[in-house]
N, C-alpha and C. Protein backbone atom coordinates (compact mmCIF):
# COMPACT_ATOMS: atom_id res chain seq x y z
N UNK A 1 24.03 9.97 -79.17
CA UNK A 1 24.22 9.95 -77.74
C UNK A 1 22.87 10.18 -77.06
N UNK A 2 22.56 9.38 -76.08
CA UNK A 2 21.26 9.48 -75.42
C UNK A 2 21.29 10.55 -74.34
N UNK A 3 20.13 10.86 -73.82
CA UNK A 3 20.01 11.89 -72.78
C UNK A 3 20.79 11.47 -71.54
N UNK A 4 20.71 10.21 -71.19
CA UNK A 4 21.41 9.74 -70.01
C UNK A 4 22.91 9.93 -70.16
N UNK A 5 23.43 9.67 -71.37
CA UNK A 5 24.86 9.85 -71.59
C UNK A 5 25.26 11.31 -71.44
N UNK A 6 24.41 12.24 -71.92
CA UNK A 6 24.72 13.66 -71.78
C UNK A 6 24.77 14.08 -70.31
N UNK A 7 23.78 13.64 -69.53
CA UNK A 7 23.77 14.01 -68.12
C UNK A 7 24.96 13.39 -67.40
N UNK A 8 25.31 12.19 -67.79
CA UNK A 8 26.46 11.51 -67.18
C UNK A 8 27.75 12.29 -67.49
N UNK A 9 27.89 12.72 -68.74
CA UNK A 9 29.09 13.48 -69.14
C UNK A 9 29.13 14.81 -68.40
N UNK A 10 27.98 15.49 -68.29
CA UNK A 10 27.96 16.77 -67.59
C UNK A 10 28.36 16.61 -66.12
N UNK A 11 27.91 15.54 -65.49
CA UNK A 11 28.29 15.30 -64.10
C UNK A 11 29.79 15.05 -63.98
N UNK A 12 30.34 14.30 -64.94
CA UNK A 12 31.76 13.98 -64.89
C UNK A 12 32.63 15.21 -65.15
N UNK A 13 32.15 16.09 -66.05
CA UNK A 13 32.95 17.25 -66.43
C UNK A 13 32.66 18.50 -65.60
N UNK A 14 31.80 18.37 -64.60
CA UNK A 14 31.45 19.53 -63.78
C UNK A 14 32.69 20.15 -63.12
N UNK A 15 33.64 19.33 -62.74
CA UNK A 15 34.84 19.81 -62.07
C UNK A 15 35.93 20.25 -63.04
N UNK A 16 35.69 20.08 -64.33
CA UNK A 16 36.68 20.46 -65.35
C UNK A 16 36.02 21.45 -66.33
N UNK A 17 35.95 22.73 -65.97
CA UNK A 17 35.20 23.69 -66.79
C UNK A 17 35.73 23.83 -68.22
N UNK A 18 37.02 23.75 -68.44
CA UNK A 18 37.56 23.89 -69.79
C UNK A 18 37.11 22.73 -70.67
N UNK A 19 37.17 21.52 -70.14
CA UNK A 19 36.74 20.35 -70.89
C UNK A 19 35.22 20.39 -71.14
N UNK A 20 34.48 20.89 -70.16
CA UNK A 20 33.03 21.00 -70.31
C UNK A 20 32.67 21.97 -71.44
N UNK A 21 33.34 23.12 -71.50
CA UNK A 21 33.09 24.09 -72.57
C UNK A 21 33.44 23.51 -73.94
N UNK A 22 34.53 22.77 -74.01
CA UNK A 22 34.93 22.14 -75.27
C UNK A 22 33.89 21.09 -75.69
N UNK A 23 33.39 20.32 -74.73
CA UNK A 23 32.36 19.32 -75.01
C UNK A 23 31.10 19.99 -75.54
N UNK A 24 30.67 21.09 -74.89
CA UNK A 24 29.48 21.81 -75.33
C UNK A 24 29.68 22.40 -76.72
N UNK A 25 30.88 22.93 -76.99
CA UNK A 25 31.17 23.55 -78.28
C UNK A 25 31.03 22.55 -79.42
N UNK A 26 31.53 21.36 -79.23
CA UNK A 26 31.55 20.37 -80.31
C UNK A 26 30.32 19.48 -80.35
N UNK A 27 29.48 19.49 -79.34
CA UNK A 27 28.35 18.56 -79.31
C UNK A 27 26.98 19.23 -79.30
N UNK A 28 26.91 20.55 -79.36
CA UNK A 28 25.61 21.21 -79.45
C UNK A 28 25.15 21.19 -80.91
N UNK A 29 23.85 21.02 -81.15
CA UNK A 29 23.37 20.98 -82.53
C UNK A 29 23.49 22.34 -83.21
N UNK A 30 23.65 22.31 -84.54
CA UNK A 30 23.76 23.54 -85.31
C UNK A 30 22.42 24.27 -85.35
N UNK A 31 22.47 25.58 -85.52
CA UNK A 31 21.27 26.37 -85.70
C UNK A 31 20.74 26.10 -87.10
N UNK A 32 19.47 25.71 -87.21
CA UNK A 32 18.88 25.41 -88.51
C UNK A 32 18.52 26.69 -89.24
N UNK A 33 18.86 26.74 -90.53
CA UNK A 33 18.51 27.89 -91.34
C UNK A 33 17.52 27.53 -92.44
N UNK A 34 17.42 26.25 -92.80
CA UNK A 34 16.46 25.80 -93.79
C UNK A 34 15.83 24.51 -93.31
N UNK A 35 14.73 24.15 -93.91
CA UNK A 35 14.11 22.88 -93.58
C UNK A 35 12.80 23.04 -92.86
N UNK A 36 12.26 21.90 -92.46
CA UNK A 36 10.92 21.85 -91.91
C UNK A 36 10.82 22.49 -90.52
N UNK A 37 11.83 22.34 -89.70
CA UNK A 37 11.74 22.79 -88.31
C UNK A 37 12.14 24.24 -88.09
N UNK A 38 12.33 25.01 -89.14
CA UNK A 38 12.72 26.40 -88.94
C UNK A 38 11.54 27.29 -88.62
N UNK A 39 10.34 26.92 -89.11
CA UNK A 39 9.14 27.72 -88.86
C UNK A 39 8.09 26.85 -88.18
N UNK A 40 7.28 27.47 -87.35
CA UNK A 40 6.21 26.72 -86.71
C UNK A 40 4.95 27.59 -86.63
N UNK A 41 3.84 26.96 -86.34
CA UNK A 41 2.55 27.64 -86.22
C UNK A 41 2.59 28.61 -85.04
N UNK A 42 2.07 29.82 -85.25
CA UNK A 42 2.05 30.81 -84.17
C UNK A 42 1.12 30.39 -83.05
N UNK A 43 0.09 29.63 -83.39
CA UNK A 43 -0.95 29.32 -82.43
C UNK A 43 -0.66 28.05 -81.62
N UNK A 44 -0.25 26.97 -82.31
CA UNK A 44 -0.09 25.70 -81.60
C UNK A 44 1.34 25.16 -81.61
N UNK A 45 2.19 25.65 -82.52
CA UNK A 45 3.58 25.21 -82.54
C UNK A 45 3.89 24.06 -83.47
N UNK A 46 2.91 23.58 -84.25
CA UNK A 46 3.18 22.50 -85.20
C UNK A 46 4.13 22.96 -86.29
N UNK A 47 4.88 22.01 -86.86
CA UNK A 47 5.80 22.32 -87.93
C UNK A 47 5.26 21.91 -89.30
N UNK A 48 4.33 20.98 -89.34
CA UNK A 48 3.83 20.46 -90.61
C UNK A 48 2.53 21.15 -91.00
N UNK A 49 2.28 21.24 -92.30
CA UNK A 49 1.05 21.81 -92.81
C UNK A 49 0.96 23.31 -92.60
N UNK A 50 2.06 23.99 -92.67
CA UNK A 50 2.12 25.42 -92.37
C UNK A 50 1.66 26.24 -93.57
N UNK A 51 0.76 27.19 -93.33
CA UNK A 51 0.30 28.10 -94.38
C UNK A 51 1.05 29.41 -94.20
N UNK A 52 1.89 29.72 -95.20
CA UNK A 52 2.73 30.91 -95.11
C UNK A 52 2.21 32.07 -95.95
N UNK A 53 1.16 31.82 -96.73
CA UNK A 53 0.59 32.88 -97.57
C UNK A 53 0.12 34.04 -96.70
N UNK A 54 0.36 35.24 -97.17
CA UNK A 54 -0.02 36.47 -96.46
C UNK A 54 0.63 36.55 -95.08
N UNK A 55 1.76 35.91 -94.89
CA UNK A 55 2.48 35.87 -93.62
C UNK A 55 1.60 35.39 -92.46
N UNK A 56 0.74 34.40 -92.73
CA UNK A 56 -0.14 33.86 -91.70
C UNK A 56 0.61 33.04 -90.67
N UNK A 57 1.49 32.15 -91.13
CA UNK A 57 2.23 31.22 -90.28
C UNK A 57 1.31 30.45 -89.34
N UNK A 58 0.25 29.89 -89.90
CA UNK A 58 -0.67 29.03 -89.16
C UNK A 58 -0.67 27.66 -89.82
N UNK A 59 -0.80 26.61 -89.01
CA UNK A 59 -0.93 25.28 -89.59
C UNK A 59 -2.34 25.15 -90.15
N UNK A 60 -2.56 24.15 -90.97
CA UNK A 60 -3.84 24.03 -91.66
C UNK A 60 -5.00 23.81 -90.68
N UNK A 61 -4.74 23.13 -89.55
CA UNK A 61 -5.80 22.90 -88.58
C UNK A 61 -6.21 24.21 -87.89
N UNK A 62 -5.23 25.01 -87.49
CA UNK A 62 -5.52 26.29 -86.84
C UNK A 62 -6.14 27.26 -87.83
N UNK A 63 -5.69 27.21 -89.10
CA UNK A 63 -6.27 28.09 -90.10
C UNK A 63 -7.74 27.78 -90.29
N UNK A 64 -8.09 26.50 -90.29
CA UNK A 64 -9.49 26.11 -90.47
C UNK A 64 -10.35 26.68 -89.35
N UNK A 65 -9.82 26.70 -88.12
CA UNK A 65 -10.56 27.23 -86.98
C UNK A 65 -10.62 28.76 -86.99
N UNK A 66 -9.58 29.41 -87.46
CA UNK A 66 -9.47 30.87 -87.38
C UNK A 66 -9.85 31.60 -88.67
N UNK A 67 -10.17 30.87 -89.75
CA UNK A 67 -10.37 31.50 -91.06
C UNK A 67 -11.48 32.55 -91.04
N UNK A 68 -12.60 32.27 -90.43
CA UNK A 68 -13.71 33.24 -90.38
C UNK A 68 -13.29 34.53 -89.68
N UNK A 69 -12.57 34.41 -88.57
CA UNK A 69 -12.12 35.60 -87.83
C UNK A 69 -11.14 36.44 -88.65
N UNK A 70 -10.35 35.76 -89.50
CA UNK A 70 -9.38 36.46 -90.32
C UNK A 70 -9.98 37.08 -91.57
N UNK A 71 -11.25 36.75 -91.88
CA UNK A 71 -11.92 37.35 -93.02
C UNK A 71 -11.94 36.48 -94.26
N UNK A 72 -11.62 35.21 -94.15
CA UNK A 72 -11.68 34.30 -95.28
C UNK A 72 -13.07 33.68 -95.36
N UNK A 73 -13.58 33.55 -96.57
CA UNK A 73 -14.91 32.96 -96.77
C UNK A 73 -14.75 31.62 -97.48
N UNK A 74 -15.62 30.67 -97.15
CA UNK A 74 -15.57 29.36 -97.77
C UNK A 74 -16.51 29.35 -98.97
N UNK A 75 -15.97 28.96 -100.13
CA UNK A 75 -16.76 28.88 -101.35
C UNK A 75 -17.16 27.45 -101.61
N UNK A 76 -18.40 27.25 -102.01
CA UNK A 76 -18.89 25.89 -102.31
C UNK A 76 -18.68 25.54 -103.75
């Protein structure tokens, strides 16, 4: 269902609160407990390339920028 359809349905059901609640109950997305979108970078909000070691929760791009401040050293 597209965004326009949702807004159209909400407008139609505005005068019928019981039907609106039933529509919301059955059409809202489930809360995710596993998968890629459950965690995101603390700094920028990206979901991909997340570094979770030491509870950093930073994406690889932000980690590269913040590594020196966090006390990580680059070895050649």
